């Protein structure tokens, strides 16, 4: 059903409206009210002007300057280990010397277990270990929006980049499909002293 366009006031109705308007007492004495103007012709909303950044002068064929986006938690951090070893690790050709599986653990159980595992592996001279978090469950229930899927997968990088683990870890990377894919992380440890 479509709305009809308001028909406006006929001359006799306008005369009656003027009489009513003259007898009306304003509610707010200090404010001027322009009822007729407000009813008949509402003011259009003015859109604020958006200032566009100025473009620097350029010549056709001129090379553009490279602008690199800042490194965030979502982007891959720079490689700090040997590039050849890193390439072999990403291809799944380096086998982990130790592994811990966090399936079925809560955050409260997993955090101390990961900390203990990483520190023990570093103390025993291991270089590459695998931490299996799992990809997380998809919940179809009514409370699925409350619980983040893959809580351990989301939290593990934060644990690995904070003390006391930060000082013993050289590189953290998502595992190759052969070792668990996106449900696991390679943790490359610094040499023990």
N, C-alpha and C. Protein backbone atom coordinates (compact mmCIF):
# COMPACT_ATOMS: atom_id res chain seq x y z
N UNK A 1 0.84 -1.16 0.00
CA UNK A 1 0.00 0.00 0.00
C UNK A 1 0.89 1.24 0.00
N UNK A 2 0.68 2.11 -0.94
CA UNK A 2 1.52 3.29 -1.04
C UNK A 2 0.90 4.46 -0.29
N UNK A 3 1.74 5.35 0.18
CA UNK A 3 1.27 6.53 0.90
C UNK A 3 0.87 7.60 -0.09
N UNK A 4 -0.17 8.34 0.28
CA UNK A 4 -0.59 9.46 -0.55
C UNK A 4 0.16 10.70 -0.17
N UNK A 5 0.35 11.54 -1.14
CA UNK A 5 1.01 12.83 -0.91
C UNK A 5 0.03 13.72 -0.16
N UNK A 6 0.49 14.45 0.89
CA UNK A 6 -0.44 15.33 1.62
C UNK A 6 -1.02 16.38 0.67
N UNK A 7 -2.31 16.61 0.82
CA UNK A 7 -3.00 17.48 -0.13
C UNK A 7 -2.84 18.95 0.19
N UNK A 8 -2.40 19.32 1.39
CA UNK A 8 -2.30 20.73 1.76
C UNK A 8 -3.64 21.24 2.28
N UNK A 9 -3.68 22.50 2.70
CA UNK A 9 -4.90 23.08 3.27
C UNK A 9 -5.65 23.88 2.21
N UNK A 10 -6.96 23.72 2.26
CA UNK A 10 -7.80 24.56 1.40
C UNK A 10 -7.89 25.94 2.03
N UNK A 11 -8.30 26.98 1.30
CA UNK A 11 -8.35 28.34 1.85
C UNK A 11 -9.22 28.46 3.10
N UNK A 12 -10.39 27.79 3.14
CA UNK A 12 -11.24 27.88 4.33
C UNK A 12 -10.59 27.19 5.53
N UNK A 13 -9.88 26.07 5.29
CA UNK A 13 -9.18 25.37 6.37
C UNK A 13 -7.99 26.21 6.88
N UNK A 14 -7.33 26.89 5.96
CA UNK A 14 -6.21 27.73 6.35
C UNK A 14 -6.66 28.88 7.24
N UNK A 15 -7.84 29.43 6.96
CA UNK A 15 -8.39 30.51 7.78
C UNK A 15 -8.67 30.02 9.20
N UNK A 16 -9.25 28.84 9.31
CA UNK A 16 -9.53 28.25 10.63
C UNK A 16 -8.21 27.98 11.36
N UNK A 17 -7.22 27.48 10.64
CA UNK A 17 -5.93 27.20 11.26
C UNK A 17 -5.27 28.47 11.78
N UNK A 18 -5.36 29.57 11.05
CA UNK A 18 -4.80 30.84 11.50
C UNK A 18 -5.47 31.31 12.79
N UNK A 19 -6.82 31.14 12.91
CA UNK A 19 -7.52 31.53 14.14
C UNK A 19 -7.04 30.69 15.32
N UNK A 20 -6.88 29.41 15.11
CA UNK A 20 -6.41 28.52 16.19
C UNK A 20 -4.99 28.89 16.59
N UNK A 21 -4.15 29.17 15.61
CA UNK A 21 -2.76 29.51 15.89
C UNK A 21 -2.66 30.79 16.71
N UNK A 22 -3.53 31.80 16.43
CA UNK A 22 -3.49 33.07 17.18
C UNK A 22 -3.92 32.88 18.63
N UNK A 23 -4.80 31.92 18.90
CA UNK A 23 -5.28 31.70 20.28
C UNK A 23 -4.36 30.79 21.09
N UNK A 24 -3.44 30.11 20.41
CA UNK A 24 -2.55 29.18 21.10
C UNK A 24 -1.54 29.93 21.94
N UNK A 25 -1.25 29.38 23.12
CA UNK A 25 -0.25 29.95 24.02
C UNK A 25 1.01 29.11 23.89
N UNK A 26 2.14 29.75 23.59
CA UNK A 26 3.38 28.98 23.45
C UNK A 26 3.77 28.30 24.76
N UNK A 27 4.27 27.07 24.65
CA UNK A 27 4.71 26.33 25.84
C UNK A 27 6.01 26.89 26.37
N UNK A 28 6.91 27.25 25.50
CA UNK A 28 8.21 27.78 25.90
C UNK A 28 8.23 29.26 25.51
N UNK A 29 8.11 30.10 26.50
CA UNK A 29 7.97 31.53 26.25
C UNK A 29 9.23 32.12 25.61
N UNK A 30 10.42 31.67 26.00
CA UNK A 30 11.66 32.25 25.52
C UNK A 30 12.00 31.87 24.09
N UNK A 31 11.37 30.84 23.55
CA UNK A 31 11.71 30.37 22.22
C UNK A 31 10.71 30.87 21.20
N UNK A 32 11.19 31.29 20.06
CA UNK A 32 10.30 31.70 18.98
C UNK A 32 9.93 30.44 18.21
N UNK A 33 8.66 30.33 17.94
CA UNK A 33 8.20 29.14 17.22
C UNK A 33 7.59 29.57 15.90
N UNK A 34 8.08 29.04 14.85
CA UNK A 34 7.53 29.32 13.52
C UNK A 34 6.80 28.07 13.07
N UNK A 35 5.58 27.90 13.56
CA UNK A 35 4.82 26.68 13.29
C UNK A 35 4.51 26.55 11.81
N UNK A 36 4.05 27.62 11.22
CA UNK A 36 3.65 27.56 9.82
C UNK A 36 4.85 27.17 8.94
N UNK A 37 6.01 27.79 9.19
CA UNK A 37 7.19 27.49 8.39
C UNK A 37 7.64 26.05 8.60
N UNK A 38 7.56 25.59 9.85
CA UNK A 38 7.99 24.24 10.14
C UNK A 38 7.08 23.21 9.50
N UNK A 39 5.79 23.49 9.44
CA UNK A 39 4.84 22.52 8.88
C UNK A 39 4.89 22.52 7.36
N UNK A 40 4.85 23.68 6.76
CA UNK A 40 4.71 23.74 5.31
C UNK A 40 6.02 23.47 4.57
N UNK A 41 7.11 24.00 5.06
CA UNK A 41 8.37 23.81 4.33
C UNK A 41 9.50 23.45 5.29
N UNK A 42 9.66 22.14 5.57
CA UNK A 42 10.77 21.76 6.44
C UNK A 42 12.10 22.04 5.74
N UNK A 43 13.07 22.47 6.55
CA UNK A 43 14.37 22.80 6.01
C UNK A 43 15.11 21.52 5.63
N UNK A 44 15.72 21.50 4.47
CA UNK A 44 16.48 20.29 4.09
C UNK A 44 17.73 20.17 4.95
N UNK A 45 18.09 18.93 5.22
CA UNK A 45 19.30 18.68 6.01
C UNK A 45 20.51 18.98 5.14
N UNK A 46 21.43 19.70 5.70
CA UNK A 46 22.65 20.06 4.98
C UNK A 46 23.70 19.00 5.29
N UNK A 47 24.22 18.38 4.24
CA UNK A 47 25.27 17.38 4.43
C UNK A 47 26.59 18.10 4.65
N UNK A 48 27.34 17.66 5.68
CA UNK A 48 28.63 18.31 5.91
C UNK A 48 29.59 17.98 4.77
N UNK A 49 30.40 18.94 4.41
CA UNK A 49 31.38 18.73 3.35
C UNK A 49 32.55 17.94 3.91
N UNK A 50 32.97 16.97 3.15
CA UNK A 50 34.10 16.15 3.54
C UNK A 50 35.34 16.69 2.84
N UNK A 51 36.35 16.98 3.63
CA UNK A 51 37.60 17.49 3.06
C UNK A 51 38.38 16.32 2.48
N UNK A 52 38.70 16.39 1.21
CA UNK A 52 39.47 15.35 0.55
C UNK A 52 40.95 15.69 0.66
N UNK A 53 41.78 14.67 0.89
CA UNK A 53 43.21 14.96 0.98
C UNK A 53 43.73 15.46 -0.36
N UNK A 54 44.68 16.33 -0.28
CA UNK A 54 45.24 16.86 -1.53
C UNK A 54 46.16 15.83 -2.15
N UNK A 55 46.17 15.81 -3.46
CA UNK A 55 47.00 14.87 -4.20
C UNK A 55 48.25 15.61 -4.65
N UNK A 56 49.38 15.02 -4.39
CA UNK A 56 50.64 15.64 -4.77
C UNK A 56 50.78 15.67 -6.29
N UNK A 57 51.48 16.67 -6.79
CA UNK A 57 51.69 16.80 -8.22
C UNK A 57 52.52 15.62 -8.72
N UNK A 58 52.14 15.06 -9.86
CA UNK A 58 52.89 13.95 -10.43
C UNK A 58 52.95 14.08 -11.95
N UNK A 59 53.88 13.38 -12.52
CA UNK A 59 54.05 13.33 -13.98
C UNK A 59 53.60 11.95 -14.45
N UNK A 60 53.05 11.89 -15.65
CA UNK A 60 52.65 10.60 -16.21
C UNK A 60 53.91 9.77 -16.43
N UNK A 61 53.86 8.54 -15.97
CA UNK A 61 55.00 7.64 -16.10
C UNK A 61 55.93 7.67 -14.90
N UNK A 62 55.68 8.56 -13.96
CA UNK A 62 56.51 8.67 -12.76
C UNK A 62 56.26 7.46 -11.87
N UNK A 63 57.31 6.93 -11.27
CA UNK A 63 57.17 5.77 -10.39
C UNK A 63 56.50 6.19 -9.09
N UNK A 64 55.61 5.36 -8.62
CA UNK A 64 54.92 5.64 -7.36
C UNK A 64 55.81 5.25 -6.20
N UNK A 65 55.68 5.98 -5.10
CA UNK A 65 56.44 5.63 -3.90
C UNK A 65 55.70 4.52 -3.19
N UNK A 66 56.44 3.54 -2.73
CA UNK A 66 55.84 2.39 -2.07
C UNK A 66 55.45 2.76 -0.66
N UNK A 67 54.21 2.48 -0.31
CA UNK A 67 53.73 2.71 1.05
C UNK A 67 53.39 1.35 1.62
N UNK A 68 54.11 0.95 2.64
CA UNK A 68 53.87 -0.35 3.25
C UNK A 68 52.89 -0.19 4.40
N UNK A 69 51.91 -1.09 4.48
CA UNK A 69 50.99 -1.02 5.61
C UNK A 69 51.70 -1.41 6.90
N UNK A 70 51.27 -0.86 8.03
CA UNK A 70 51.91 -1.22 9.29
C UNK A 70 51.66 -2.68 9.64
N UNK A 71 52.62 -3.28 10.33
CA UNK A 71 52.49 -4.68 10.73
C UNK A 71 51.52 -4.75 11.89
N UNK A 72 50.49 -5.55 11.75
CA UNK A 72 49.51 -5.73 12.81
C UNK A 72 49.56 -7.17 13.29
N UNK A 73 48.74 -7.47 14.27
CA UNK A 73 48.69 -8.83 14.80
C UNK A 73 48.19 -9.81 13.75
N UNK A 74 47.31 -9.35 12.85
CA UNK A 74 46.75 -10.23 11.83
C UNK A 74 47.76 -10.51 10.72
N UNK A 75 48.68 -9.60 10.45
CA UNK A 75 49.64 -9.81 9.37
C UNK A 75 50.81 -10.64 9.89
N UNK A 76 51.56 -11.22 8.94
CA UNK A 76 52.69 -12.07 9.29
C UNK A 76 53.85 -11.21 9.82
N UNK A 77 54.38 -11.50 11.02
CA UNK A 77 55.53 -10.74 11.52
C UNK A 77 56.76 -11.06 10.68
N UNK A 78 57.77 -10.20 10.72
CA UNK A 78 58.98 -10.45 9.93
C UNK A 78 59.69 -11.71 10.41
N UNK A 79 60.36 -12.36 9.47
CA UNK A 79 61.08 -13.59 9.78
C UNK A 79 62.34 -13.25 10.56
N UNK A 80 62.51 -13.87 11.72
CA UNK A 80 63.67 -13.60 12.56
C UNK A 80 64.64 -14.78 12.57
N UNK A 81 64.21 -15.89 12.03
CA UNK A 81 65.09 -17.06 11.99
C UNK A 81 65.74 -17.15 10.62
N UNK A 82 66.56 -18.14 10.41
CA UNK A 82 67.22 -18.38 9.14
C UNK A 82 66.15 -18.60 8.05
N UNK A 83 66.26 -17.84 6.94
CA UNK A 83 65.23 -17.91 5.90
C UNK A 83 65.11 -19.29 5.28
N UNK A 84 66.22 -19.98 5.14
CA UNK A 84 66.19 -21.33 4.55
C UNK A 84 65.44 -22.29 5.48
N UNK A 85 65.75 -22.22 6.76
CA UNK A 85 65.06 -23.07 7.74
C UNK A 85 63.59 -22.70 7.84
N UNK A 86 63.30 -21.40 7.75
CA UNK A 86 61.91 -20.94 7.81
C UNK A 86 61.11 -21.50 6.63
N UNK A 87 61.71 -21.47 5.44
CA UNK A 87 61.05 -22.02 4.25
C UNK A 87 60.79 -23.50 4.39
N UNK A 88 61.77 -24.24 4.89
CA UNK A 88 61.60 -25.68 5.10
C UNK A 88 60.53 -25.96 6.15
N UNK A 89 60.50 -25.12 7.21
CA UNK A 89 59.51 -25.29 8.26
C UNK A 89 58.10 -25.05 7.71
N UNK A 90 57.91 -23.97 6.92
CA UNK A 90 56.59 -23.64 6.37
C UNK A 90 56.09 -24.70 5.39
N UNK A 91 57.05 -25.41 4.73
CA UNK A 91 56.67 -26.47 3.79
C UNK A 91 56.44 -27.80 4.50
N UNK A 92 56.67 -27.84 5.81
CA UNK A 92 56.44 -29.05 6.58
C UNK A 92 57.58 -30.04 6.49
N UNK A 93 58.75 -29.60 6.02
CA UNK A 93 59.89 -30.50 5.84
C UNK A 93 60.72 -30.65 7.11
N UNK A 94 60.58 -29.71 8.06
CA UNK A 94 61.23 -29.86 9.36
C UNK A 94 60.24 -30.55 10.29
N UNK A 95 60.70 -31.58 10.96
CA UNK A 95 59.80 -32.26 11.87
C UNK A 95 59.97 -31.70 13.29
N UNK A 96 58.86 -31.44 13.97
CA UNK A 96 58.93 -30.91 15.33
C UNK A 96 59.58 -31.92 16.28
N UNK A 97 60.35 -31.39 17.22
CA UNK A 97 61.03 -32.24 18.20
C UNK A 97 60.16 -32.52 19.41
N UNK A 98 59.06 -31.82 19.53
CA UNK A 98 58.12 -32.04 20.62
C UNK A 98 56.77 -31.46 20.24
N UNK A 99 55.73 -31.96 20.88
CA UNK A 99 54.40 -31.45 20.59
C UNK A 99 53.52 -31.50 21.84
N UNK A 100 52.59 -30.57 21.89
CA UNK A 100 51.59 -30.56 22.96
C UNK A 100 50.23 -30.36 22.30
N UNK A 101 49.27 -31.15 22.73
CA UNK A 101 47.92 -31.08 22.18
C UNK A 101 47.01 -30.48 23.24
N UNK A 102 46.37 -29.36 22.91
CA UNK A 102 45.53 -28.65 23.87
C UNK A 102 44.05 -28.98 23.72
N UNK A 103 43.71 -29.96 22.89
CA UNK A 103 42.30 -30.32 22.71
C UNK A 103 41.68 -30.70 24.05
N UNK A 104 40.51 -30.18 24.31
CA UNK A 104 39.77 -30.51 25.53
C UNK A 104 40.17 -29.70 26.75
N UNK A 105 41.17 -28.83 26.62
CA UNK A 105 41.60 -28.02 27.76
C UNK A 105 40.86 -26.69 27.78
N UNK A 106 40.69 -26.17 28.97
CA UNK A 106 40.13 -24.82 29.11
C UNK A 106 41.28 -23.83 29.06
N UNK A 107 40.95 -22.54 29.00
CA UNK A 107 42.00 -21.52 29.01
C UNK A 107 42.85 -21.61 30.27
N UNK A 108 42.20 -21.85 31.40
CA UNK A 108 42.90 -21.93 32.69
C UNK A 108 43.85 -23.12 32.74
N UNK A 109 43.52 -24.21 32.04
CA UNK A 109 44.40 -25.38 32.02
C UNK A 109 45.49 -25.24 30.97
N UNK A 110 45.13 -24.65 29.82
CA UNK A 110 46.05 -24.61 28.68
C UNK A 110 47.21 -23.64 28.89
N UNK A 111 46.95 -22.48 29.48
CA UNK A 111 48.01 -21.47 29.62
C UNK A 111 49.20 -21.98 30.42
N UNK A 112 49.00 -22.53 31.64
CA UNK A 112 50.18 -23.04 32.36
C UNK A 112 50.81 -24.25 31.67
N UNK A 113 49.99 -25.07 30.99
CA UNK A 113 50.55 -26.23 30.30
C UNK A 113 51.47 -25.80 29.16
N UNK A 114 51.05 -24.80 28.38
CA UNK A 114 51.87 -24.31 27.28
C UNK A 114 53.14 -23.66 27.82
N UNK A 115 53.01 -22.86 28.86
CA UNK A 115 54.18 -22.20 29.45
C UNK A 115 55.20 -23.22 29.92
N UNK A 116 54.75 -24.23 30.64
CA UNK A 116 55.64 -25.27 31.16
C UNK A 116 56.28 -26.05 30.01
N UNK A 117 55.48 -26.39 28.99
CA UNK A 117 55.99 -27.17 27.84
C UNK A 117 57.07 -26.40 27.08
N UNK A 118 56.83 -25.12 26.79
CA UNK A 118 57.79 -24.31 26.04
C UNK A 118 59.09 -24.12 26.83
N UNK A 119 58.97 -23.80 28.11
CA UNK A 119 60.17 -23.58 28.93
C UNK A 119 60.97 -24.87 29.10
N UNK A 120 60.29 -26.01 29.26
CA UNK A 120 60.99 -27.29 29.38
C UNK A 120 61.67 -27.66 28.06
N UNK A 121 61.01 -27.41 26.93
CA UNK A 121 61.60 -27.71 25.62
C UNK A 121 62.83 -26.85 25.39
N UNK A 122 62.77 -25.58 25.77
CA UNK A 122 63.93 -24.69 25.61
C UNK A 122 65.08 -25.14 26.50
N UNK A 123 64.77 -25.53 27.71
CA UNK A 123 65.81 -25.98 28.65
C UNK A 123 66.48 -27.27 28.18
N UNK A 124 65.73 -28.13 27.48
CA UNK A 124 66.31 -29.39 26.99
C UNK A 124 66.99 -29.24 25.63
N UNK A 125 67.02 -28.01 25.07
CA UNK A 125 67.76 -27.75 23.84
C UNK A 125 66.97 -27.98 22.56
N UNK A 126 65.68 -28.17 22.65
CA UNK A 126 64.87 -28.36 21.44
C UNK A 126 64.73 -27.04 20.71
N UNK A 127 64.61 -27.09 19.38
CA UNK A 127 64.49 -25.87 18.58
C UNK A 127 63.09 -25.68 18.01
N UNK A 128 62.45 -26.77 17.52
CA UNK A 128 61.13 -26.64 16.89
C UNK A 128 60.13 -27.52 17.62
N UNK A 129 59.09 -26.89 18.14
CA UNK A 129 58.02 -27.64 18.80
C UNK A 129 56.69 -27.26 18.15
N UNK A 130 55.71 -28.11 18.32
CA UNK A 130 54.39 -27.93 17.72
C UNK A 130 53.36 -27.81 18.83
N UNK A 131 52.55 -26.76 18.76
CA UNK A 131 51.47 -26.57 19.72
C UNK A 131 50.16 -26.72 18.95
N UNK A 132 49.40 -27.74 19.29
CA UNK A 132 48.14 -28.04 18.59
C UNK A 132 47.00 -27.45 19.40
N UNK A 133 46.28 -26.50 18.81
CA UNK A 133 45.16 -25.85 19.49
C UNK A 133 43.83 -26.39 19.00
N UNK A 134 43.78 -26.85 17.78
CA UNK A 134 42.51 -27.20 17.15
C UNK A 134 41.92 -25.95 16.52
N UNK A 135 40.95 -26.15 15.66
CA UNK A 135 40.36 -25.02 14.94
C UNK A 135 39.18 -24.42 15.68
N UNK A 136 38.66 -25.12 16.66
CA UNK A 136 37.51 -24.63 17.40
C UNK A 136 36.22 -25.24 16.87
N UNK A 137 35.23 -25.31 17.74
CA UNK A 137 33.93 -25.88 17.36
C UNK A 137 32.99 -24.80 16.86
N UNK A 138 32.13 -25.20 15.96
CA UNK A 138 31.03 -24.32 15.54
C UNK A 138 29.84 -24.70 16.41
N UNK A 139 29.30 -23.74 17.11
CA UNK A 139 28.13 -24.02 17.96
C UNK A 139 26.87 -23.58 17.24
N UNK A 140 25.90 -24.49 17.18
CA UNK A 140 24.65 -24.18 16.50
C UNK A 140 23.55 -23.77 17.46
N UNK A 141 23.84 -23.75 18.74
CA UNK A 141 22.82 -23.41 19.74
C UNK A 141 22.50 -21.93 19.76
N UNK A 142 21.59 -21.59 20.63
CA UNK A 142 21.15 -20.20 20.71
C UNK A 142 22.21 -19.29 21.34
N UNK A 143 23.18 -19.84 22.05
CA UNK A 143 24.23 -19.03 22.68
C UNK A 143 25.52 -19.03 21.86
N UNK A 144 25.45 -19.37 20.56
CA UNK A 144 26.66 -19.48 19.75
C UNK A 144 27.34 -18.13 19.56
N UNK A 145 26.60 -17.03 19.66
CA UNK A 145 27.21 -15.71 19.49
C UNK A 145 27.98 -15.27 20.72
N UNK A 146 27.79 -15.94 21.84
CA UNK A 146 28.45 -15.55 23.08
C UNK A 146 29.86 -16.12 23.15
N UNK A 147 30.04 -17.37 22.73
CA UNK A 147 31.32 -18.05 22.84
C UNK A 147 32.05 -17.94 21.51
N UNK A 148 33.28 -17.43 21.54
CA UNK A 148 34.10 -17.30 20.33
C UNK A 148 34.58 -18.69 19.93
N UNK A 149 34.40 -19.08 18.65
CA UNK A 149 34.94 -20.36 18.23
C UNK A 149 36.46 -20.31 18.17
N UNK A 150 37.10 -21.36 18.63
CA UNK A 150 38.56 -21.41 18.61
C UNK A 150 39.21 -20.49 19.63
N UNK A 151 38.79 -20.56 20.86
CA UNK A 151 39.30 -19.67 21.90
C UNK A 151 40.80 -19.88 22.12
N UNK A 152 41.24 -21.14 22.17
CA UNK A 152 42.66 -21.43 22.37
C UNK A 152 43.48 -20.97 21.17
N UNK A 153 42.96 -21.19 19.97
CA UNK A 153 43.66 -20.76 18.75
C UNK A 153 43.84 -19.24 18.74
N UNK A 154 42.85 -18.53 19.23
CA UNK A 154 42.91 -17.07 19.28
C UNK A 154 43.87 -16.58 20.38
N UNK A 155 43.89 -17.27 21.50
CA UNK A 155 44.65 -16.79 22.66
C UNK A 155 46.13 -17.18 22.64
N UNK A 156 46.46 -18.29 21.99
CA UNK A 156 47.84 -18.80 22.02
C UNK A 156 48.88 -17.79 21.54
N UNK A 157 48.70 -17.09 20.41
CA UNK A 157 49.73 -16.11 20.00
C UNK A 157 49.97 -15.02 21.03
N UNK A 158 48.94 -14.62 21.76
CA UNK A 158 49.11 -13.62 22.82
C UNK A 158 49.99 -14.16 23.94
N UNK A 159 49.78 -15.41 24.30
CA UNK A 159 50.59 -16.03 25.35
C UNK A 159 52.05 -16.14 24.91
N UNK A 160 52.26 -16.51 23.65
CA UNK A 160 53.62 -16.74 23.17
C UNK A 160 54.40 -15.44 23.01
N UNK A 161 53.71 -14.31 22.83
CA UNK A 161 54.39 -13.03 22.66
C UNK A 161 54.43 -12.22 23.95
N UNK A 162 54.18 -12.85 25.07
CA UNK A 162 54.28 -12.15 26.36
C UNK A 162 55.22 -12.94 27.28
N UNK A 163 55.63 -12.30 28.36
CA UNK A 163 56.57 -12.92 29.29
C UNK A 163 55.90 -14.11 29.97
N UNK A 164 56.63 -15.12 30.32
CA UNK A 164 58.06 -15.39 30.22
C UNK A 164 58.47 -16.07 28.91
N UNK A 165 57.51 -16.36 28.03
CA UNK A 165 57.82 -17.11 26.81
C UNK A 165 58.48 -16.27 25.73
N UNK A 166 58.23 -14.99 25.72
CA UNK A 166 58.75 -14.11 24.68
C UNK A 166 60.28 -14.18 24.57
N UNK A 167 60.95 -14.35 25.71
CA UNK A 167 62.42 -14.34 25.72
C UNK A 167 63.03 -15.61 25.14
N UNK A 168 62.29 -16.71 25.06
CA UNK A 168 62.86 -17.97 24.56
C UNK A 168 62.37 -18.31 23.16
N UNK A 169 61.41 -17.56 22.61
CA UNK A 169 60.83 -17.88 21.30
C UNK A 169 61.43 -16.97 20.24
N UNK A 170 61.84 -17.57 19.13
CA UNK A 170 62.39 -16.81 18.02
C UNK A 170 61.32 -16.55 16.96
N UNK A 171 60.48 -17.52 16.66
CA UNK A 171 59.49 -17.39 15.59
C UNK A 171 58.27 -18.24 15.91
N UNK A 172 57.08 -17.68 15.60
CA UNK A 172 55.82 -18.42 15.72
C UNK A 172 55.16 -18.36 14.35
N UNK A 173 54.70 -19.51 13.87
CA UNK A 173 54.10 -19.56 12.55
C UNK A 173 53.03 -20.64 12.52
N UNK A 174 52.03 -20.43 11.67
CA UNK A 174 50.98 -21.44 11.51
C UNK A 174 51.61 -22.69 10.89
N UNK A 175 51.17 -23.85 11.34
CA UNK A 175 51.76 -25.11 10.91
C UNK A 175 51.34 -25.48 9.49
N UNK A 176 52.16 -26.33 8.87
CA UNK A 176 51.84 -26.89 7.56
C UNK A 176 50.68 -27.86 7.72
N UNK A 177 49.97 -28.11 6.64
CA UNK A 177 48.82 -29.02 6.68
C UNK A 177 49.20 -30.40 7.20
N UNK A 178 50.41 -30.82 6.92
CA UNK A 178 50.91 -32.12 7.38
C UNK A 178 50.96 -32.21 8.92
N UNK A 179 51.15 -31.06 9.57
CA UNK A 179 51.27 -31.03 11.02
C UNK A 179 50.06 -30.39 11.72
N UNK A 180 48.96 -30.21 11.01
CA UNK A 180 47.76 -29.69 11.66
C UNK A 180 47.19 -28.44 11.02
N UNK A 181 47.89 -27.84 10.09
CA UNK A 181 47.38 -26.68 9.36
C UNK A 181 47.03 -25.52 10.27
N UNK A 182 45.87 -24.94 10.04
CA UNK A 182 45.48 -23.76 10.81
C UNK A 182 45.08 -24.09 12.25
N UNK A 183 45.08 -25.35 12.60
CA UNK A 183 44.75 -25.75 13.97
C UNK A 183 45.98 -25.98 14.83
N UNK A 184 47.17 -25.60 14.32
CA UNK A 184 48.41 -25.81 15.07
C UNK A 184 49.40 -24.71 14.74
N UNK A 185 50.39 -24.54 15.62
CA UNK A 185 51.42 -23.52 15.45
C UNK A 185 52.80 -24.14 15.63
N UNK A 186 53.72 -23.74 14.73
CA UNK A 186 55.14 -24.05 14.94
C UNK A 186 55.69 -22.99 15.88
N UNK A 187 56.46 -23.42 16.85
CA UNK A 187 57.15 -22.48 17.74
C UNK A 187 58.63 -22.80 17.64
N UNK A 188 59.38 -21.88 17.03
CA UNK A 188 60.82 -22.06 16.85
C UNK A 188 61.52 -21.35 18.00
N UNK A 189 62.28 -22.11 18.77
CA UNK A 189 62.88 -21.59 20.00
C UNK A 189 64.31 -21.11 19.77
N UNK A 190 64.72 -20.17 20.59
CA UNK A 190 66.10 -19.67 20.55
C UNK A 190 67.02 -20.77 21.08
N UNK A 191 68.29 -20.65 20.75
CA UNK A 191 69.26 -21.61 21.30
C UNK A 191 69.38 -21.41 22.80
N UNK A 192 69.42 -22.51 23.53
CA UNK A 192 69.59 -22.40 24.99
C UNK A 192 71.05 -22.14 25.30
N UNK A 193 71.30 -21.39 26.30
CA UNK A 193 72.67 -20.98 26.62
C UNK A 193 73.35 -21.93 27.53
